[in-house]
PDB file of N, CA and C in Angstrom:
ATOM      1  N   MET A   1       8.227 -54.716   5.270  1.00  0.00           N
ATOM      2  CA  MET A   1       8.364 -53.744   4.213  1.00  0.00           C
ATOM      3  C   MET A   1       9.416 -54.236   3.239  1.00  0.00           C
ATOM      4  N   LYS A   2       9.040 -54.363   2.002  1.00  0.00           N
ATOM      5  CA  LYS A   2       9.953 -54.836   0.980  1.00  0.00           C
ATOM      6  C   LYS A   2      10.875 -53.694   0.564  1.00  0.00           C
ATOM      7  N   GLN A   3      12.162 -54.004   0.433  1.00  0.00           N
ATOM      8  CA  GLN A   3      13.119 -52.972   0.069  1.00  0.00           C
ATOM      9  C   GLN A   3      14.173 -53.510  -0.885  1.00  0.00           C
ATOM     10  N   LYS A   4      14.809 -52.572  -1.581  1.00  0.00           N
ATOM     11  CA  LYS A   4      15.869 -52.926  -2.524  1.00  0.00           C
ATOM     12  C   LYS A   4      17.143 -52.215  -2.073  1.00  0.00           C
ATOM     13  N   LEU A   5      18.204 -53.005  -1.884  1.00  0.00           N
ATOM     14  CA  LEU A   5      19.499 -52.477  -1.459  1.00  0.00           C
ATOM     15  C   LEU A   5      20.495 -52.618  -2.596  1.00  0.00           C
ATOM     16  N   VAL A   6      21.338 -51.625  -2.766  1.00  0.00           N
ATOM     17  CA  VAL A   6      22.441 -51.722  -3.724  1.00  0.00           C
ATOM     18  C   VAL A   6      23.723 -51.518  -2.934  1.00  0.00           C
ATOM     19  N   ILE A   7      24.612 -52.523  -2.996  1.00  0.00           N
ATOM     20  CA  ILE A   7      25.862 -52.498  -2.238  1.00  0.00           C
ATOM     21  C   ILE A   7      27.023 -52.622  -3.218  1.00  0.00           C
ATOM     22  N   LYS A   8      27.969 -51.691  -3.117  1.00  0.00           N
ATOM     23  CA  LYS A   8      29.168 -51.739  -3.960  1.00  0.00           C
ATOM     24  C   LYS A   8      30.233 -52.534  -3.213  1.00  0.00           C
ATOM     25  N   VAL A   9      30.737 -53.584  -3.865  1.00  0.00           N
ATOM     26  CA  VAL A   9      31.696 -54.494  -3.240  1.00  0.00           C
ATOM     27  C   VAL A   9      32.913 -54.614  -4.137  1.00  0.00           C
ATOM     28  N   CYS A  10      34.081 -54.731  -3.532  1.00  0.00           N
ATOM     29  CA  CYS A  10      35.309 -54.939  -4.290  1.00  0.00           C
ATOM     30  C   CYS A  10      35.423 -56.433  -4.620  1.00  0.00           C
ATOM     31  N   LEU A  11      35.047 -56.817  -5.845  1.00  0.00           N
ATOM     32  CA  LEU A  11      35.077 -58.212  -6.277  1.00  0.00           C
ATOM     33  C   LEU A  11      36.189 -58.375  -7.308  1.00  0.00           C
ATOM     34  N   ASN A  12      37.161 -59.247  -6.985  1.00  0.00           N
ATOM     35  CA  ASN A  12      38.323 -59.412  -7.855  1.00  0.00           C
ATOM     36  C   ASN A  12      38.165 -60.542  -8.866  1.00  0.00           C
ATOM     37  N   GLY A  13      37.471 -61.573  -8.521  1.00  0.00           N
ATOM     38  CA  GLY A  13      37.340 -62.715  -9.421  1.00  0.00           C
ATOM     39  C   GLY A  13      36.074 -63.486  -9.148  1.00  0.00           C
ATOM     40  N   LYS A  14      35.990 -64.650  -9.809  1.00  0.00           N
ATOM     41  CA  LYS A  14      34.792 -65.479  -9.655  1.00  0.00           C
ATOM     42  C   LYS A  14      34.648 -65.992  -8.222  1.00  0.00           C
ATOM     43  N   LYS A  15      35.773 -66.290  -7.598  1.00  0.00           N
ATOM     44  CA  LYS A  15      35.735 -66.835  -6.247  1.00  0.00           C
ATOM     45  C   LYS A  15      35.158 -65.813  -5.257  1.00  0.00           C
ATOM     46  N   SER A  16      35.584 -64.575  -5.353  1.00  0.00           N
ATOM     47  CA  SER A  16      35.069 -63.545  -4.439  1.00  0.00           C
ATOM     48  C   SER A  16      33.607 -63.220  -4.746  1.00  0.00           C
ATOM     49  N   ARG A  17      33.216 -63.299  -6.031  1.00  0.00           N
ATOM     50  CA  ARG A  17      31.816 -63.078  -6.389  1.00  0.00           C
ATOM     51  C   ARG A  17      30.921 -64.154  -5.796  1.00  0.00           C
ATOM     52  N   SER A  18      31.327 -65.412  -5.905  1.00  0.00           N
ATOM     53  CA  SER A  18      30.500 -66.487  -5.371  1.00  0.00           C
ATOM     54  C   SER A  18      30.458 -66.437  -3.840  1.00  0.00           C
ATOM     55  N   LYS A  19      31.574 -66.048  -3.224  1.00  0.00           N
ATOM     56  CA  LYS A  19      31.614 -65.920  -1.773  1.00  0.00           C
ATOM     57  C   LYS A  19      30.678 -64.806  -1.305  1.00  0.00           C
ATOM     58  N   ALA A  20      30.671 -63.691  -2.017  1.00  0.00           N
ATOM     59  CA  ALA A  20      29.801 -62.573  -1.672  1.00  0.00           C
ATOM     60  C   ALA A  20      28.330 -62.954  -1.853  1.00  0.00           C
ATOM     61  N   MET A  21      28.021 -63.665  -2.910  1.00  0.00           N
ATOM     62  CA  MET A  21      26.635 -64.063  -3.157  1.00  0.00           C
ATOM     63  C   MET A  21      26.158 -65.049  -2.085  1.00  0.00           C
ATOM     64  N   LYS A  22      27.033 -65.962  -1.633  1.00  0.00           N
ATOM     65  CA  LYS A  22      26.667 -66.896  -0.570  1.00  0.00           C
ATOM     66  C   LYS A  22      26.354 -66.149   0.727  1.00  0.00           C
ATOM     67  N   ILE A  23      27.142 -65.133   1.021  1.00  0.00           N
ATOM     68  CA  ILE A  23      26.925 -64.341   2.226  1.00  0.00           C
ATOM     69  C   ILE A  23      25.602 -63.592   2.139  1.00  0.00           C
ATOM     70  N   VAL A  24      25.341 -62.996   0.986  1.00  0.00           N
ATOM     71  CA  VAL A  24      24.114 -62.211   0.802  1.00  0.00           C
ATOM     72  C   VAL A  24      22.880 -63.093   0.912  1.00  0.00           C
ATOM     73  N   VAL A  25      22.891 -64.243   0.269  1.00  0.00           N
ATOM     74  CA  VAL A  25      21.740 -65.128   0.282  1.00  0.00           C
ATOM     75  C   VAL A  25      21.530 -65.737   1.671  1.00  0.00           C
ATOM     76  N   GLY A  26      22.587 -65.845   2.459  1.00  0.00           N
ATOM     77  CA  GLY A  26      22.488 -66.427   3.790  1.00  0.00           C
ATOM     78  C   GLY A  26      21.847 -65.516   4.826  1.00  0.00           C
ATOM     79  N   ILE A  27      21.726 -64.228   4.542  1.00  0.00           N
ATOM     80  CA  ILE A  27      21.121 -63.284   5.481  1.00  0.00           C
ATOM     81  C   ILE A  27      19.602 -63.481   5.470  1.00  0.00           C
ATOM     82  N   SER A  28      18.974 -63.420   6.644  1.00  0.00           N
ATOM     83  CA  SER A  28      17.533 -63.648   6.721  1.00  0.00           C
ATOM     84  C   SER A  28      16.762 -62.489   6.093  1.00  0.00           C
ATOM     85  N   GLY A  29      15.710 -62.840   5.362  1.00  0.00           N
ATOM     86  CA  GLY A  29      14.851 -61.850   4.724  1.00  0.00           C
ATOM     87  C   GLY A  29      15.180 -61.572   3.273  1.00  0.00           C
ATOM     88  N   VAL A  30      16.300 -62.088   2.772  1.00  0.00           N
ATOM     89  CA  VAL A  30      16.707 -61.837   1.387  1.00  0.00           C
ATOM     90  C   VAL A  30      15.896 -62.739   0.465  1.00  0.00           C
ATOM     91  N   GLU A  31      15.243 -62.122  -0.527  1.00  0.00           N
ATOM     92  CA  GLU A  31      14.461 -62.878  -1.499  1.00  0.00           C
ATOM     93  C   GLU A  31      15.221 -63.092  -2.799  1.00  0.00           C
ATOM     94  N   SER A  32      15.980 -62.090  -3.244  1.00  0.00           N
ATOM     95  CA  SER A  32      16.758 -62.247  -4.472  1.00  0.00           C
ATOM     96  C   SER A  32      18.000 -61.378  -4.407  1.00  0.00           C
ATOM     97  N   ALA A  33      19.015 -61.809  -5.127  1.00  0.00           N
ATOM     98  CA  ALA A  33      20.271 -61.067  -5.199  1.00  0.00           C
ATOM     99  C   ALA A  33      20.808 -61.178  -6.618  1.00  0.00           C
ATOM    100  N   ALA A  34      21.366 -60.097  -7.128  1.00  0.00           N
ATOM    101  CA  ALA A  34      21.896 -60.095  -8.493  1.00  0.00           C
ATOM    102  C   ALA A  34      23.089 -59.158  -8.570  1.00  0.00           C
ATOM    103  N   LEU A  35      24.024 -59.495  -9.450  1.00  0.00           N
ATOM    104  CA  LEU A  35      25.169 -58.636  -9.703  1.00  0.00           C
ATOM    105  C   LEU A  35      24.787 -57.633 -10.773  1.00  0.00           C
ATOM    106  N   GLN A  36      25.246 -56.417 -10.640  1.00  0.00           N
ATOM    107  CA  GLN A  36      24.963 -55.398 -11.638  1.00  0.00           C
ATOM    108  C   GLN A  36      26.130 -54.443 -11.717  1.00  0.00           C
ATOM    109  N   GLY A  37      26.090 -53.541 -12.658  1.00  0.00           N
ATOM    110  CA  GLY A  37      27.155 -52.576 -12.862  1.00  0.00           C
ATOM    111  C   GLY A  37      28.034 -53.008 -14.028  1.00  0.00           C
ATOM    112  N   ALA A  38      28.885 -52.111 -14.457  1.00  0.00           N
ATOM    113  CA  ALA A  38      29.758 -52.374 -15.600  1.00  0.00           C
ATOM    114  C   ALA A  38      30.765 -53.477 -15.285  1.00  0.00           C
ATOM    115  N   ASP A  39      31.341 -53.456 -14.111  1.00  0.00           N
ATOM    116  CA  ASP A  39      32.341 -54.450 -13.719  1.00  0.00           C
ATOM    117  C   ASP A  39      31.744 -55.553 -12.850  1.00  0.00           C
ATOM    118  N   LYS A  40      30.441 -55.611 -12.743  1.00  0.00           N
ATOM    119  CA  LYS A  40      29.744 -56.560 -11.874  1.00  0.00           C
ATOM    120  C   LYS A  40      30.242 -56.412 -10.438  1.00  0.00           C
ATOM    121  N   ASN A  41      30.421 -55.155 -10.025  1.00  0.00           N
ATOM    122  CA  ASN A  41      30.927 -54.906  -8.680  1.00  0.00           C
ATOM    123  C   ASN A  41      29.849 -54.399  -7.729  1.00  0.00           C
ATOM    124  N   GLN A  42      28.592 -54.427  -8.159  1.00  0.00           N
ATOM    125  CA  GLN A  42      27.497 -54.030  -7.295  1.00  0.00           C
ATOM    126  C   GLN A  42      26.533 -55.198  -7.131  1.00  0.00           C
ATOM    127  N   ILE A  43      26.034 -55.362  -5.919  1.00  0.00           N
ATOM    128  CA  ILE A  43      25.071 -56.423  -5.645  1.00  0.00           C
ATOM    129  C   ILE A  43      23.740 -55.759  -5.330  1.00  0.00           C
ATOM    130  N   GLU A  44      22.710 -56.164  -6.067  1.00  0.00           N
ATOM    131  CA  GLU A  44      21.364 -55.652  -5.830  1.00  0.00           C
ATOM    132  C   GLU A  44      20.584 -56.717  -5.062  1.00  0.00           C
ATOM    133  N   VAL A  45      20.128 -56.357  -3.861  1.00  0.00           N
ATOM    134  CA  VAL A  45      19.442 -57.294  -2.975  1.00  0.00           C
ATOM    135  C   VAL A  45      18.007 -56.818  -2.789  1.00  0.00           C
ATOM    136  N   THR A  46      17.053 -57.733  -2.970  1.00  0.00           N
ATOM    137  CA  THR A  46      15.651 -57.430  -2.728  1.00  0.00           C
ATOM    138  C   THR A  46      15.159 -58.362  -1.639  1.00  0.00           C
ATOM    139  N   GLY A  47      14.460 -57.807  -0.662  1.00  0.00           N
ATOM    140  CA  GLY A  47      13.959 -58.643   0.423  1.00  0.00           C
ATOM    141  C   GLY A  47      13.028 -57.900   1.350  1.00  0.00           C
ATOM    142  N   ASP A  48      12.506 -58.647   2.289  1.00  0.00           N
ATOM    143  CA  ASP A  48      11.559 -58.105   3.246  1.00  0.00           C
ATOM    144  C   ASP A  48      12.213 -58.080   4.625  1.00  0.00           C
ATOM    145  N   GLY A  49      12.437 -56.890   5.167  1.00  0.00           N
ATOM    146  CA  GLY A  49      13.029 -56.752   6.494  1.00  0.00           C
ATOM    147  C   GLY A  49      14.510 -57.069   6.542  1.00  0.00           C
ATOM    148  N   VAL A  50      15.228 -56.788   5.482  1.00  0.00           N
ATOM    149  CA  VAL A  50      16.672 -57.037   5.441  1.00  0.00           C
ATOM    150  C   VAL A  50      17.380 -55.898   6.171  1.00  0.00           C
ATOM    151  N   ASP A  51      18.280 -56.247   7.083  1.00  0.00           N
ATOM    152  CA  ASP A  51      19.052 -55.242   7.796  1.00  0.00           C
ATOM    153  C   ASP A  51      20.271 -54.883   6.955  1.00  0.00           C
ATOM    154  N   ALA A  52      20.301 -53.661   6.442  1.00  0.00           N
ATOM    155  CA  ALA A  52      21.363 -53.227   5.535  1.00  0.00           C
ATOM    156  C   ALA A  52      22.710 -53.157   6.238  1.00  0.00           C
ATOM    157  N   VAL A  53      22.717 -52.762   7.497  1.00  0.00           N
ATOM    158  CA  VAL A  53      23.977 -52.634   8.237  1.00  0.00           C
ATOM    159  C   VAL A  53      24.601 -54.004   8.472  1.00  0.00           C
ATOM    160  N   VAL A  54      23.784 -54.979   8.861  1.00  0.00           N
ATOM    161  CA  VAL A  54      24.295 -56.332   9.106  1.00  0.00           C
ATOM    162  C   VAL A  54      24.853 -56.921   7.809  1.00  0.00           C
ATOM    163  N   LEU A  55      24.148 -56.718   6.707  1.00  0.00           N
ATOM    164  CA  LEU A  55      24.576 -57.253   5.412  1.00  0.00           C
ATOM    165  C   LEU A  55      25.893 -56.622   4.972  1.00  0.00           C
ATOM    166  N   THR A  56      25.997 -55.310   5.073  1.00  0.00           N
ATOM    167  CA  THR A  56      27.229 -54.628   4.668  1.00  0.00           C
ATOM    168  C   THR A  56      28.401 -55.020   5.568  1.00  0.00           C
ATOM    169  N   THR A  57      28.174 -55.148   6.856  1.00  0.00           N
ATOM    170  CA  THR A  57      29.234 -55.541   7.786  1.00  0.00           C
ATOM    171  C   THR A  57      29.720 -56.956   7.498  1.00  0.00           C
ATOM    172  N   ALA A  58      28.790 -57.866   7.196  1.00  0.00           N
ATOM    173  CA  ALA A  58      29.185 -59.244   6.872  1.00  0.00           C
ATOM    174  C   ALA A  58      30.024 -59.287   5.604  1.00  0.00           C
ATOM    175  N   LEU A  59      29.673 -58.486   4.619  1.00  0.00           N
ATOM    176  CA  LEU A  59      30.470 -58.435   3.386  1.00  0.00           C
ATOM    177  C   LEU A  59      31.849 -57.845   3.641  1.00  0.00           C
ATOM    178  N   ARG A  60      31.929 -56.833   4.492  1.00  0.00           N
ATOM    179  CA  ARG A  60      33.235 -56.235   4.798  1.00  0.00           C
ATOM    180  C   ARG A  60      34.150 -57.221   5.521  1.00  0.00           C
ATOM    181  N   LYS A  61      33.584 -58.000   6.426  1.00  0.00           N
ATOM    182  CA  LYS A  61      34.399 -58.941   7.188  1.00  0.00           C
ATOM    183  C   LYS A  61      34.911 -60.085   6.328  1.00  0.00           C
ATOM    184  N   ASN A  62      34.086 -60.582   5.408  1.00  0.00           N
ATOM    185  CA  ASN A  62      34.438 -61.796   4.686  1.00  0.00           C
ATOM    186  C   ASN A  62      34.968 -61.577   3.270  1.00  0.00           C
ATOM    187  N   VAL A  63      34.594 -60.487   2.616  1.00  0.00           N
ATOM    188  CA  VAL A  63      35.005 -60.284   1.221  1.00  0.00           C
ATOM    189  C   VAL A  63      36.018 -59.167   1.093  1.00  0.00           C
ATOM    190  N   GLY A  64      35.737 -58.027   1.679  1.00  0.00           N
ATOM    191  CA  GLY A  64      36.617 -56.874   1.549  1.00  0.00           C
ATOM    192  C   GLY A  64      35.801 -55.601   1.621  1.00  0.00           C
ATOM    193  N   TYR A  65      36.225 -54.610   0.868  1.00  0.00           N
ATOM    194  CA  TYR A  65      35.566 -53.315   0.862  1.00  0.00           C
ATOM    195  C   TYR A  65      34.112 -53.456   0.425  1.00  0.00           C
ATOM    196  N   ALA A  66      33.181 -52.870   1.188  1.00  0.00           N
ATOM    197  CA  ALA A  66      31.761 -52.869   0.839  1.00  0.00           C
ATOM    198  C   ALA A  66      31.157 -51.538   1.262  1.00  0.00           C
ATOM    199  N   GLU A  67      30.381 -50.956   0.366  1.00  0.00           N
ATOM    200  CA  GLU A  67      29.772 -49.652   0.612  1.00  0.00           C
ATOM    201  C   GLU A  67      28.291 -49.712   0.251  1.00  0.00           C
ATOM    202  N   LEU A  68      27.445 -49.254   1.145  1.00  0.00           N
ATOM    203  CA  LEU A  68      26.009 -49.221   0.910  1.00  0.00           C
ATOM    204  C   LEU A  68      25.698 -48.021   0.021  1.00  0.00           C
ATOM    205  N   VAL A  69      25.202 -48.296  -1.203  1.00  0.00           N
ATOM    206  CA  VAL A  69      24.948 -47.227  -2.168  1.00  0.00           C
ATOM    207  C   VAL A  69      23.553 -46.648  -1.989  1.00  0.00           C
ATOM    208  N   SER A  70      22.526 -47.510  -1.956  1.00  0.00           N
ATOM    209  CA  SER A  70      21.166 -46.996  -1.823  1.00  0.00           C
ATOM    210  C   SER A  70      20.253 -48.023  -1.173  1.00  0.00           C
ATOM    211  N   VAL A  71      19.220 -47.507  -0.515  1.00  0.00           N
ATOM    212  CA  VAL A  71      18.159 -48.319   0.065  1.00  0.00           C
ATOM    213  C   VAL A  71      16.843 -47.671  -0.365  1.00  0.00           C
ATOM    214  N   THR A  72      16.020 -48.426  -1.099  1.00  0.00           N
ATOM    215  CA  THR A  72      14.744 -47.892  -1.556  1.00  0.00           C
ATOM    216  C   THR A  72      13.635 -48.882  -1.236  1.00  0.00           C
ATOM    217  N   ALA A  73      12.449 -48.355  -1.007  1.00  0.00           N
ATOM    218  CA  ALA A  73      11.287 -49.187  -0.746  1.00  0.00           C
ATOM    219  C   ALA A  73      10.705 -49.653  -2.080  1.00  0.00           C
ATOM    220  N   VAL A  74      10.253 -50.907  -2.117  1.00  0.00           N
ATOM    221  CA  VAL A  74       9.699 -51.471  -3.329  1.00  0.00           C
ATOM    222  C   VAL A  74       8.227 -51.780  -3.093  1.00  0.00           C
ATOM    223  N   GLY A  75       7.405 -51.437  -4.044  1.00  0.00           N
ATOM    224  CA  GLY A  75       5.999 -51.813  -3.983  1.00  0.00           C
ATOM    225  C   GLY A  75       5.121 -50.881  -3.173  1.00  0.00           C
ATOM    226  N   GLU A  76       5.660 -49.837  -2.617  1.00  0.00           N
ATOM    227  CA  GLU A  76       4.835 -48.899  -1.880  1.00  0.00           C
ATOM    228  C   GLU A  76       4.239 -47.898  -2.857  1.00  0.00           C
ATOM    229  N   LYS A  77       2.951 -47.685  -2.721  1.00  0.00           N
ATOM    230  CA  LYS A  77       2.287 -46.708  -3.563  1.00  0.00           C
ATOM    231  C   LYS A  77       2.129 -45.418  -2.770  1.00  0.00           C
ATOM    232  N   LYS A  78       2.475 -44.332  -3.403  1.00  0.00           N
ATOM    233  CA  LYS A  78       2.332 -43.041  -2.755  1.00  0.00           C
ATOM    234  C   LYS A  78       0.880 -42.594  -2.903  1.00  0.00           C
ATOM    235  N   PRO A  79       0.275 -42.120  -1.827  1.00  0.00           N
ATOM    236  CA  PRO A  79      -1.112 -41.666  -1.940  1.00  0.00           C
ATOM    237  C   PRO A  79      -1.184 -40.394  -2.780  1.00  0.00           C
ATOM    238  N   GLU A  80      -2.160 -40.357  -3.658  1.00  0.00           N
ATOM    239  CA  GLU A  80      -2.334 -39.182  -4.499  1.00  0.00           C
ATOM    240  C   GLU A  80      -3.034 -38.099  -3.701  1.00  0.00           C
ATOM    241  N   PRO A  81      -2.630 -36.853  -3.897  1.00  0.00           N
ATOM    242  CA  PRO A  81      -3.292 -35.774  -3.163  1.00  0.00           C
ATOM    243  C   PRO A  81      -4.736 -35.612  -3.637  1.00  0.00           C
ATOM    244  N   ARG A  82      -5.602 -35.304  -2.697  1.00  0.00           N
ATOM    245  CA  ARG A  82      -7.000 -35.117  -3.044  1.00  0.00           C
ATOM    246  C   ARG A  82      -7.180 -33.800  -3.786  1.00  0.00           C
ATOM    247  N   LYS A  83      -8.017 -33.837  -4.779  1.00  0.00           N
ATOM    248  CA  LYS A  83      -8.310 -32.626  -5.536  1.00  0.00           C
ATOM    249  C   LYS A  83      -9.549 -31.969  -4.949  1.00  0.00           C
ATOM    250  N   ILE A  84      -9.473 -30.663  -4.754  1.00  0.00           N
ATOM    251  CA  ILE A  84     -10.591 -29.916  -4.213  1.00  0.00           C
ATOM    252  C   ILE A  84     -11.344 -29.299  -5.386  1.00  0.00           C
ATOM    253  N   GLU A  85     -12.635 -29.549  -5.424  1.00  0.00           N
ATOM    254  CA  GLU A  85     -13.442 -29.011  -6.497  1.00  0.00           C
ATOM    255  C   GLU A  85     -13.662 -27.518  -6.282  1.00  0.00           C
ATOM    256  N   ALA A  86     -13.855 -26.791  -7.379  1.00  0.00           N
ATOM    257  CA  ALA A  86     -14.016 -25.340  -7.306  1.00  0.00           C
ATOM    258  C   ALA A  86     -15.350 -24.950  -6.697  1.00  0.00           C
ATOM    259  N   ASN A  87     -16.387 -25.774  -6.810  1.00  0.00           N
ATOM    260  CA  ASN A  87     -17.713 -25.429  -6.326  1.00  0.00           C
ATOM    261  C   ASN A  87     -17.865 -25.633  -4.821  1.00  0.00           C
ATOM    262  N   VAL A  88     -16.981 -26.333  -4.218  1.00  0.00           N
ATOM    263  CA  VAL A  88     -17.085 -26.631  -2.793  1.00  0.00           C
ATOM    264  C   VAL A  88     -16.583 -25.443  -1.987  1.00  0.00           C
ATOM    265  N   VAL A  89     -17.411 -25.010  -1.036  1.00  0.00           N
ATOM    266  CA  VAL A  89     -17.038 -23.896  -0.176  1.00  0.00           C
ATOM    267  C   VAL A  89     -16.468 -24.478   1.114  1.00  0.00           C
ATOM    268  N   GLN A  90     -15.274 -24.083   1.437  1.00  0.00           N
ATOM    269  CA  GLN A  90     -14.654 -24.576   2.661  1.00  0.00           C
ATOM    270  C   GLN A  90     -15.094 -23.730   3.841  1.00  0.00           C
ATOM    271  N   PRO A  91     -15.312 -24.337   4.985  1.00  0.00           N
ATOM    272  CA  PRO A  91     -15.700 -23.558   6.160  1.00  0.00           C
ATOM    273  C   PRO A  91     -14.555 -22.654   6.589  1.00  0.00           C
ATOM    274  N   PRO A  92     -14.891 -21.524   7.210  1.00  0.00           N
ATOM    275  CA  PRO A  92     -13.826 -20.608   7.628  1.00  0.00           C
ATOM    276  C   PRO A  92     -12.974 -21.235   8.731  1.00  0.00           C
ATOM    277  N   LEU A  93     -11.759 -20.818   8.762  1.00  0.00           N
ATOM    278  CA  LEU A  93     -10.828 -21.311   9.767  1.00  0.00           C
ATOM    279  C   LEU A  93     -11.139 -20.640  11.093  1.00  0.00           C
ATOM    280  N   ILE A  94     -11.436 -21.441  12.097  1.00  0.00           N
ATOM    281  CA  ILE A  94     -11.758 -20.913  13.418  1.00  0.00           C
ATOM    282  C   ILE A  94     -10.553 -21.148  14.310  1.00  0.00           C
ATOM    283  N   ARG A  95     -10.051 -20.076  14.825  1.00  0.00           N
ATOM    284  CA  ARG A  95      -8.897 -20.192  15.710  1.00  0.00           C
ATOM    285  C   ARG A  95      -9.380 -20.242  17.153  1.00  0.00           C
ATOM    286  N   THR A  96      -8.901 -21.225  17.845  1.00  0.00           N
ATOM    287  CA  THR A  96      -9.257 -21.320  19.249  1.00  0.00           C
ATOM    288  C   THR A  96      -8.274 -20.497  20.057  1.00  0.00           C
ATOM    289  N   PRO A  97      -8.777 -19.798  21.074  1.00  0.00           N
ATOM    290  CA  PRO A  97      -7.868 -18.961  21.856  1.00  0.00           C
ATOM    291  C   PRO A  97      -6.898 -19.820  22.661  1.00  0.00           C
ATOM    292  N   CYS A  98      -5.720 -19.319  22.778  1.00  0.00           N
ATOM    293  CA  CYS A  98      -4.692 -19.993  23.570  1.00  0.00           C
ATOM    294  C   CYS A  98      -4.580 -19.244  24.887  1.00  0.00           C
ATOM    295  N   TYR A  99      -4.959 -19.882  25.954  1.00  0.00           N
ATOM    296  CA  TYR A  99      -4.968 -19.222  27.245  1.00  0.00           C
ATOM    297  C   TYR A  99      -3.580 -19.254  27.864  1.00  0.00           C
ATOM    298  N   GLN A 100      -3.186 -18.097  28.366  1.00  0.00           N
ATOM    299  CA  GLN A 100      -1.916 -17.998  29.077  1.00  0.00           C
ATOM    300  C   GLN A 100      -2.240 -17.779  30.533  1.00  0.00           C
ATOM    301  N   TYR A 101      -1.777 -18.672  31.335  1.00  0.00           N
ATOM    302  CA  TYR A 101      -2.049 -18.563  32.750  1.00  0.00           C
ATOM    303  C   TYR A 101      -1.083 -17.562  33.383  1.00  0.00           C
ATOM    304  N   PRO A 102      -1.554 -16.791  34.389  1.00  0.00           N
ATOM    305  CA  PRO A 102      -0.662 -15.813  35.025  1.00  0.00           C
ATOM    306  C   PRO A 102       0.442 -16.536  35.792  1.00  0.00           C
ATOM    307  N   PRO A 103       1.580 -15.888  35.926  1.00  0.00           N
ATOM    308  CA  PRO A 103       2.670 -16.542  36.659  1.00  0.00           C
ATOM    309  C   PRO A 103       2.295 -16.765  38.112  1.00  0.00           C
ATOM    310  N   CYS A 104       2.861 -17.791  38.667  1.00  0.00           N
ATOM    311  CA  CYS A 104       2.583 -18.150  40.051  1.00  0.00           C
ATOM    312  C   CYS A 104       3.329 -17.182  40.969  1.00  0.00           C
ATOM    313  N   ARG A 105       2.620 -16.596  41.907  1.00  0.00           N
ATOM    314  CA  ARG A 105       3.251 -15.659  42.836  1.00  0.00           C
ATOM    315  C   ARG A 105       3.738 -16.412  44.068  1.00  0.00           C
ATOM    316  N   MET A 106       4.888 -16.043  44.484  1.00  0.00           N
ATOM    317  CA  MET A 106       5.448 -16.641  45.690  1.00  0.00           C
ATOM    318  C   MET A 106       5.040 -15.774  46.879  1.00  0.00           C
ATOM    319  N   ILE A 107       4.402 -16.365  47.815  1.00  0.00           N
ATOM    320  CA  ILE A 107       3.959 -15.637  48.997  1.00  0.00           C
ATOM    321  C   ILE A 107       4.781 -16.130  50.178  1.00  0.00           C
ATOM    322  N   TYR A 108       5.495 -15.191  50.789  1.00  0.00           N
ATOM    323  CA  TYR A 108       6.288 -15.508  51.963  1.00  0.00           C
ATOM    324  C   TYR A 108       5.545 -14.975  53.181  1.00  0.00           C
ATOM    325  N   GLU A 109       5.330 -15.813  54.111  1.00  0.00           N
ATOM    326  CA  GLU A 109       4.660 -15.388  55.336  1.00  0.00           C
ATOM    327  C   GLU A 109       5.700 -15.275  56.438  1.00  0.00           C
ATOM    328  N   TYR A 110       5.598 -14.218  57.154  1.00  0.00           N
ATOM    329  CA  TYR A 110       6.521 -13.994  58.253  1.00  0.00           C
ATOM    330  C   TYR A 110       5.718 -13.989  59.529  1.00  0.00           C
ATOM    331  N   TRP A 111       6.066 -14.863  60.399  1.00  0.00           N
ATOM    332  CA  TRP A 111       5.370 -14.951  61.675  1.00  0.00           C
ATOM    333  C   TRP A 111       6.311 -14.460  62.768  1.00  0.00           C
ATOM    334  N   GLU A 112       5.773 -13.610  63.561  1.00  0.00           N
ATOM    335  CA  GLU A 112       6.582 -13.101  64.653  1.00  0.00           C
ATOM    336  C   GLU A 112       5.890 -13.468  65.957  1.00  0.00           C
ATOM    337  N   TYR A 113       6.637 -14.124  66.785  1.00  0.00           N
ATOM    338  CA  TYR A 113       6.087 -14.534  68.069  1.00  0.00           C
ATOM    339  C   TYR A 113       6.647 -13.613  69.151  1.00  0.00           C
ATOM    340  N   PRO A 114       5.783 -12.943  69.857  1.00  0.00           N
ATOM    341  CA  PRO A 114       6.282 -11.973  70.845  1.00  0.00           C
ATOM    342  C   PRO A 114       6.969 -12.626  72.043  1.00  0.00           C
ATOM    343  N   ASP A 115       6.625 -13.841  72.353  1.00  0.00           N
ATOM    344  CA  ASP A 115       7.189 -14.446  73.546  1.00  0.00           C
ATOM    345  C   ASP A 115       8.555 -15.097  73.300  1.00  0.00           C
ATOM    346  N   GLN A 116       9.004 -15.155  72.054  1.00  0.00           N
ATOM    347  CA  GLN A 116      10.293 -15.779  71.758  1.00  0.00           C
ATOM    348  C   GLN A 116      11.328 -14.720  71.419  1.00  0.00           C
ATOM    349  N   ASP A 117      12.570 -15.113  71.584  1.00  0.00           N
ATOM    350  CA  ASP A 117      13.667 -14.234  71.206  1.00  0.00           C
ATOM    351  C   ASP A 117      13.769 -14.214  69.695  1.00  0.00           C
ATOM    352  N   PRO A 118      14.249 -13.132  69.136  1.00  0.00           N
ATOM    353  CA  PRO A 118      14.426 -13.105  67.676  1.00  0.00           C
ATOM    354  C   PRO A 118      15.464 -14.133  67.245  1.00  0.00           C
ATOM    355  N   ILE A 119      15.256 -14.671  66.054  1.00  0.00           N
ATOM    356  CA  ILE A 119      16.137 -15.716  65.536  1.00  0.00           C
ATOM    357  C   ILE A 119      17.502 -15.145  65.188  1.00  0.00           C
ATOM    358  N   CYS A 120      17.527 -13.949  64.675  1.00  0.00           N
ATOM    359  CA  CYS A 120      18.790 -13.361  64.253  1.00  0.00           C
ATOM    360  C   CYS A 120      19.464 -12.722  65.463  1.00  0.00           C
ATOM    361  N   SER A 121      20.713 -13.053  65.662  1.00  0.00           N
ATOM    362  CA  SER A 121      21.421 -12.532  66.841  1.00  0.00           C
ATOM    363  C   SER A 121      21.965 -11.132  66.607  1.00  0.00           C
ATOM    364  N   ILE A 122      22.019 -10.691  65.365  1.00  0.00           N
ATOM    365  CA  ILE A 122      22.572  -9.378  65.069  1.00  0.00           C
ATOM    366  C   ILE A 122      21.579  -8.284  65.444  1.00  0.00           C
ATOM    367  N   MET A 123      20.323  -8.534  65.297  1.00  0.00           N
ATOM    368  CA  MET A 123      19.323  -7.502  65.540  1.00  0.00           C
ATOM    369  C   MET A 123      19.018  -7.322  66.993  1.00  0.00           C
TER     370      MET A 123
END
């Protein structure tokens, strides 16, 4: 599944920008990466099967502050809802009965043997 990630990173200079871009491109599944934003402090990553958590953690360890801003799917088409024509008659809704089974009864059997002494010593 192709997705687009936007990660906000604290980039102070050219050196930190190039270091961040090397880290981003080195992650498996990344197809393209670009800097965006007013201060060029956001990295837009497009790829197939990119793990956003791994990418953000790698940036935090090696560059500094990194925050995952958004993850969106790219290239997926949403199915359009089907239109029902006015002339088509829909069949009536048939409800199937829901059977409720009776509760299970507990049956206790008491056997009394005349030739034995009663079990209870009090009686």
